[in-house]
Amino acid sequence: MSDSYHISNLGSFGGGIPTDMDGYVHLTAEGWMEAPMDWAGNKLEGDDLVEWAEERADEAVRLTDEANAAVEEWRANN
């Protein structure tokens, strides 16, 4: 699996998965730290950025796994 993907790949199953400003989901902290984000004057730096990115990556992985499972269940039943 790639470290990033566009949310449109999951269609309606992708709701709630965090994305960057361009609609990409990043599955690694490094991806989130480099992602284009609208910080609205509150850009994180240093340890705060690392912690935020790690949490965002964990959430993205969890929600992506859930969405992929839902896609597979839908396919099996349709």
Protein backbone atom coordinates (compact mmCIF):
# COMPACT_ATOMS: atom_id res chain seq x y z
CA MET A 1 0.00 0.00 0.00
CA SER A 2 1.18 3.49 -0.76
CA ASP A 3 2.03 5.95 1.99
CA SER A 4 -0.61 8.34 0.63
CA TYR A 5 -3.73 8.14 -1.50
CA HIS A 6 -6.48 10.47 -2.69
CA ILE A 7 -9.67 10.29 -0.66
CA SER A 8 -11.72 9.88 -3.84
CA ASN A 9 -10.33 6.34 -4.13
CA LEU A 10 -12.75 5.29 -1.38
CA GLY A 11 -15.80 7.09 -2.71
CA SER A 12 -18.62 7.32 -0.19
CA PHE A 13 -16.73 4.98 2.16
CA GLY A 14 -14.08 7.66 2.79
CA GLY A 15 -16.18 9.99 4.94
CA GLY A 16 -14.43 11.16 8.08
CA ILE A 17 -10.91 10.24 7.01
CA PRO A 18 -8.56 13.21 7.48
CA THR A 19 -7.10 14.77 4.34
CA ASP A 20 -4.70 17.52 3.47
CA MET A 21 -5.80 20.59 1.49
CA ASP A 22 -5.47 18.67 -1.78
CA GLY A 23 -7.60 15.72 -0.64
CA TYR A 24 -4.74 13.32 0.09
CA VAL A 25 -4.71 10.95 3.05
CA HIS A 26 -1.26 10.28 4.50
CA LEU A 27 -0.57 7.06 6.36
CA THR A 28 2.74 8.18 7.86
CA ALA A 29 3.71 11.02 10.17
CA GLU A 30 6.28 12.13 7.59
CA GLY A 31 3.56 12.47 4.99
CA TRP A 32 1.48 14.66 7.28
CA MET A 33 4.44 16.86 8.21
CA GLU A 34 5.03 17.61 4.51
CA ALA A 35 1.36 17.89 3.55
CA PRO A 36 -0.22 21.17 2.47
CA MET A 37 -2.42 22.24 5.37
CA ASP A 38 -4.45 25.35 6.17
CA TRP A 39 -2.98 26.24 9.54
CA ALA A 40 -4.85 29.59 9.72
CA GLY A 41 -1.91 31.22 11.50
CA ASN A 42 -1.50 28.36 13.99
CA LYS A 43 1.23 26.28 12.34
CA LEU A 44 2.67 23.66 14.63
CA GLU A 45 6.42 23.26 15.00
CA GLY A 46 8.93 20.92 16.61
CA ASP A 47 7.60 18.27 18.99
CA ASP A 48 4.04 19.59 18.66
CA LEU A 49 4.12 19.02 14.89
CA VAL A 50 5.58 15.52 15.31
CA GLU A 51 2.95 14.56 17.88
CA TRP A 52 0.12 15.95 15.72
CA ALA A 53 1.45 14.15 12.63
CA GLU A 54 1.78 10.82 14.46
CA GLU A 55 -1.77 11.11 15.79
CA ARG A 56 -3.11 12.08 12.37
CA ALA A 57 -1.31 9.13 10.71
CA ASP A 58 -2.63 6.67 13.31
CA GLU A 59 -6.17 7.98 12.77
CA ALA A 60 -5.79 7.82 8.98
CA VAL A 61 -4.54 4.22 9.10
CA ARG A 62 -7.36 3.13 11.42
CA LEU A 63 -10.09 4.83 9.41
CA THR A 64 -8.63 3.64 6.10
CA ASP A 65 -8.64 0.05 7.36
CA GLU A 66 -12.26 0.45 8.47
CA ALA A 67 -13.25 1.96 5.11
CA ASN A 68 -11.50 -0.79 3.15
CA ALA A 69 -13.28 -3.43 5.25
CA ALA A 70 -16.61 -1.72 4.52
CA VAL A 71 -15.81 -1.70 0.78
CA GLU A 72 -15.01 -5.41 0.87
CA GLU A 73 -18.22 -6.18 2.78
CA TRP A 74 -20.23 -4.13 0.27
CA ARG A 75 -18.60 -5.96 -2.64
CA ALA A 76 -19.32 -9.34 -1.06
CA ASN A 77 -22.99 -8.46 -0.68
CA ASN A 78 -23.60 -6.81 -4.06
